Amino acid sequence: MKKKTIDQYMTIIEAAYRWGVPVDTLKNKLKPSIISQRELTQKLIDEGLIKFFQAPEKKRKDWIISAAAMDRWFGEKNNV
C-alpha cells in the first residue's frame, strides 16, 4: 500500500508517539536553547520540513512536523 502524503506530516504529539520519544524532548527541539540546535531548527523551517502557525497576539505556536525532520533529529523510524 502506498503511503499518503498527509501521513508524512504530523503534530508534535503524533511525531513523539511514532518515534518513541518524550513530547518534551521534541518540544525542546522546536525551541532550542543551544545556538547550533537553533540553527538546525531554522534550517528545517527554511527547507519546509517543519512549520508553525502563531495567531496574532498569541504566544503559543502550533507546529507541523515532517517525517523527514524527525529522521534528522532522531533517526529513521520503520513504517512511518
N, C-alpha and C. Protein backbone atom coordinates (compact mmCIF):
# COMPACT_ATOMS: atom_id res chain seq x y z
N MET A 1 0.84 -1.19 0.00
CA MET A 1 0.00 0.00 0.00
C MET A 1 0.89 1.25 0.00
N LYS A 2 0.60 2.19 -0.87
CA LYS A 2 1.37 3.41 -0.98
C LYS A 2 1.04 4.36 0.18
N LYS A 3 2.09 4.98 0.72
CA LYS A 3 1.89 5.94 1.80
C LYS A 3 1.25 7.21 1.24
N LYS A 4 0.35 7.78 2.00
CA LYS A 4 -0.28 9.03 1.61
C LYS A 4 0.63 10.18 2.02
N THR A 5 0.65 11.22 1.21
CA THR A 5 1.47 12.39 1.50
C THR A 5 1.15 12.96 2.88
N ILE A 6 -0.11 13.03 3.23
CA ILE A 6 -0.53 13.61 4.50
C ILE A 6 0.07 12.86 5.69
N ASP A 7 0.33 11.57 5.52
CA ASP A 7 0.90 10.77 6.60
C ASP A 7 2.36 11.09 6.88
N GLN A 8 2.97 11.88 6.02
CA GLN A 8 4.36 12.29 6.24
C GLN A 8 4.46 13.56 7.09
N TYR A 9 3.32 14.11 7.50
CA TYR A 9 3.28 15.33 8.32
C TYR A 9 2.41 15.06 9.53
N MET A 10 2.83 15.59 10.69
CA MET A 10 2.11 15.26 11.91
C MET A 10 2.26 16.35 12.96
N THR A 11 1.45 16.24 13.99
CA THR A 11 1.53 17.14 15.14
C THR A 11 2.68 16.69 16.04
N ILE A 12 3.00 17.50 17.02
CA ILE A 12 4.05 17.17 17.99
C ILE A 12 3.72 15.85 18.69
N ILE A 13 2.50 15.71 19.15
CA ILE A 13 2.13 14.51 19.91
C ILE A 13 2.24 13.26 19.06
N GLU A 14 1.75 13.32 17.82
CA GLU A 14 1.84 12.15 16.94
C GLU A 14 3.29 11.82 16.62
N ALA A 15 4.09 12.83 16.32
CA ALA A 15 5.50 12.60 15.98
C ALA A 15 6.24 11.95 17.16
N ALA A 16 6.02 12.46 18.35
CA ALA A 16 6.67 11.89 19.54
C ALA A 16 6.25 10.43 19.72
N TYR A 17 4.99 10.15 19.55
CA TYR A 17 4.49 8.78 19.68
C TYR A 17 5.12 7.86 18.64
N ARG A 18 5.09 8.30 17.38
CA ARG A 18 5.58 7.44 16.29
C ARG A 18 7.08 7.16 16.39
N TRP A 19 7.85 8.09 16.92
CA TRP A 19 9.30 7.89 17.06
C TRP A 19 9.69 7.39 18.45
N GLY A 20 8.72 7.31 19.35
CA GLY A 20 9.00 6.80 20.68
C GLY A 20 9.88 7.72 21.51
N VAL A 21 9.67 9.03 21.36
CA VAL A 21 10.41 10.00 22.17
C VAL A 21 9.44 10.79 23.03
N PRO A 22 9.90 11.29 24.17
CA PRO A 22 9.01 12.10 25.00
C PRO A 22 8.59 13.39 24.28
N VAL A 23 7.37 13.81 24.51
CA VAL A 23 6.86 15.05 23.90
C VAL A 23 7.76 16.22 24.28
N ASP A 24 8.20 16.28 25.53
CA ASP A 24 9.06 17.40 25.96
C ASP A 24 10.39 17.42 25.21
N THR A 25 10.92 16.25 24.87
CA THR A 25 12.16 16.19 24.09
C THR A 25 11.95 16.82 22.72
N LEU A 26 10.83 16.51 22.10
CA LEU A 26 10.54 17.08 20.79
C LEU A 26 10.28 18.58 20.90
N LYS A 27 9.56 19.01 21.91
CA LYS A 27 9.32 20.44 22.11
C LYS A 27 10.63 21.20 22.28
N ASN A 28 11.60 20.59 22.97
CA ASN A 28 12.90 21.23 23.14
C ASN A 28 13.63 21.39 21.81
N LYS A 29 13.40 20.48 20.88
CA LYS A 29 13.99 20.62 19.54
C LYS A 29 13.39 21.82 18.81
N LEU A 30 12.13 22.11 19.08
CA LEU A 30 11.43 23.19 18.40
C LEU A 30 11.72 24.56 18.98
N LYS A 31 12.16 24.60 20.22
CA LYS A 31 12.56 25.88 20.83
C LYS A 31 13.87 25.67 21.58
N PRO A 32 14.92 25.41 20.82
CA PRO A 32 16.21 25.07 21.42
C PRO A 32 16.89 26.26 22.09
N SER A 33 17.66 25.96 23.12
CA SER A 33 18.42 27.00 23.81
C SER A 33 19.87 27.02 23.34
N ILE A 34 20.32 25.95 22.69
CA ILE A 34 21.69 25.88 22.19
C ILE A 34 21.72 26.45 20.77
N ILE A 35 22.66 27.33 20.51
CA ILE A 35 22.71 28.04 19.23
C ILE A 35 22.76 27.08 18.04
N SER A 36 23.58 26.05 18.11
CA SER A 36 23.68 25.13 16.97
C SER A 36 22.35 24.42 16.71
N GLN A 37 21.62 24.11 17.78
CA GLN A 37 20.30 23.50 17.61
C GLN A 37 19.31 24.50 17.02
N ARG A 38 19.42 25.76 17.42
CA ARG A 38 18.56 26.80 16.86
C ARG A 38 18.77 26.92 15.35
N GLU A 39 20.03 26.84 14.95
CA GLU A 39 20.35 26.92 13.52
C GLU A 39 19.76 25.74 12.75
N LEU A 40 19.81 24.54 13.33
CA LEU A 40 19.22 23.37 12.68
C LEU A 40 17.71 23.52 12.57
N THR A 41 17.07 23.98 13.64
CA THR A 41 15.62 24.19 13.61
C THR A 41 15.26 25.19 12.52
N GLN A 42 16.01 26.29 12.43
CA GLN A 42 15.73 27.28 11.40
C GLN A 42 15.96 26.70 10.01
N LYS A 43 16.98 25.87 9.85
CA LYS A 43 17.25 25.24 8.56
C LYS A 43 16.07 24.34 8.16
N LEU A 44 15.53 23.59 9.12
CA LEU A 44 14.39 22.72 8.83
C LEU A 44 13.16 23.54 8.43
N ILE A 45 12.99 24.69 9.06
CA ILE A 45 11.89 25.60 8.69
C ILE A 45 12.12 26.09 7.26
N ASP A 46 13.34 26.55 6.98
CA ASP A 46 13.67 27.09 5.65
C ASP A 46 13.49 26.03 4.56
N GLU A 47 13.78 24.77 4.88
CA GLU A 47 13.64 23.68 3.92
C GLU A 47 12.20 23.18 3.79
N GLY A 48 11.31 23.69 4.62
CA GLY A 48 9.91 23.28 4.57
C GLY A 48 9.65 21.93 5.23
N LEU A 49 10.53 21.51 6.15
CA LEU A 49 10.35 20.22 6.83
C LEU A 49 9.60 20.35 8.14
N ILE A 50 9.58 21.54 8.70
CA ILE A 50 8.72 21.85 9.85
C ILE A 50 8.16 23.25 9.62
N LYS A 51 7.02 23.51 10.23
CA LYS A 51 6.45 24.85 10.16
C LYS A 51 5.58 25.07 11.39
N PHE A 52 5.30 26.32 11.64
CA PHE A 52 4.40 26.64 12.75
C PHE A 52 3.45 27.74 12.33
N PHE A 53 2.36 27.80 13.08
CA PHE A 53 1.40 28.90 12.93
C PHE A 53 1.26 29.53 14.29
N GLN A 54 1.32 30.84 14.32
CA GLN A 54 1.12 31.58 15.56
C GLN A 54 0.11 32.68 15.27
N ALA A 55 -1.04 32.58 15.91
CA ALA A 55 -2.08 33.59 15.70
C ALA A 55 -1.58 34.94 16.20
N PRO A 56 -2.02 36.01 15.56
CA PRO A 56 -1.60 37.34 16.00
C PRO A 56 -1.90 37.55 17.49
N GLU A 57 -0.95 38.15 18.16
CA GLU A 57 -1.05 38.48 19.58
C GLU A 57 -1.14 37.25 20.49
N LYS A 58 -0.76 36.09 20.00
CA LYS A 58 -0.74 34.88 20.82
C LYS A 58 0.70 34.46 21.04
N LYS A 59 0.97 33.76 22.14
CA LYS A 59 2.31 33.29 22.44
C LYS A 59 2.54 31.87 21.93
N ARG A 60 1.50 31.07 21.87
CA ARG A 60 1.61 29.65 21.53
C ARG A 60 1.75 29.45 20.02
N LYS A 61 2.67 28.56 19.66
CA LYS A 61 2.85 28.17 18.27
C LYS A 61 2.32 26.75 18.09
N ASP A 62 1.59 26.52 17.01
CA ASP A 62 1.15 25.18 16.64
C ASP A 62 2.08 24.68 15.54
N TRP A 63 2.71 23.53 15.78
CA TRP A 63 3.72 23.00 14.87
C TRP A 63 3.21 21.84 14.03
N ILE A 64 3.71 21.77 12.80
CA ILE A 64 3.54 20.62 11.92
C ILE A 64 4.95 20.13 11.61
N ILE A 65 5.16 18.84 11.77
CA ILE A 65 6.50 18.26 11.64
C ILE A 65 6.46 17.17 10.57
N SER A 66 7.45 17.16 9.71
CA SER A 66 7.52 16.13 8.68
C SER A 66 8.31 14.92 9.19
N ALA A 67 8.05 13.79 8.57
CA ALA A 67 8.80 12.58 8.89
C ALA A 67 10.28 12.80 8.60
N ALA A 68 10.59 13.58 7.57
CA ALA A 68 11.99 13.86 7.23
C ALA A 68 12.70 14.62 8.35
N ALA A 69 12.00 15.56 8.98
CA ALA A 69 12.59 16.30 10.10
C ALA A 69 12.83 15.36 11.28
N MET A 70 11.87 14.49 11.54
CA MET A 70 12.03 13.53 12.64
C MET A 70 13.21 12.59 12.37
N ASP A 71 13.38 12.18 11.12
CA ASP A 71 14.51 11.34 10.75
C ASP A 71 15.83 12.04 11.05
N ARG A 72 15.90 13.32 10.75
CA ARG A 72 17.15 14.07 11.01
C ARG A 72 17.44 14.17 12.50
N TRP A 73 16.41 14.43 13.28
CA TRP A 73 16.59 14.58 14.71
C TRP A 73 16.82 13.26 15.44
N PHE A 74 16.06 12.24 15.08
CA PHE A 74 16.04 11.01 15.89
C PHE A 74 16.38 9.74 15.12
N GLY A 75 16.71 9.86 13.85
CA GLY A 75 17.00 8.68 13.05
C GLY A 75 15.74 8.15 12.39
N GLU A 76 15.93 7.33 11.38
CA GLU A 76 14.79 6.80 10.64
C GLU A 76 13.95 5.88 11.50
N LYS A 77 12.66 5.98 11.31
CA LYS A 77 11.70 5.13 12.01
C LYS A 77 11.06 4.21 10.97
N ASN A 78 11.03 2.94 11.21
CA ASN A 78 10.41 1.99 10.28
C ASN A 78 8.90 2.17 10.28
N ASN A 79 8.31 2.02 9.11
CA ASN A 79 6.84 2.06 8.95
C ASN A 79 6.24 3.39 9.37
N VAL A 80 6.92 4.50 9.10
CA VAL A 80 6.40 5.82 9.46
C VAL A 80 5.41 6.28 8.42
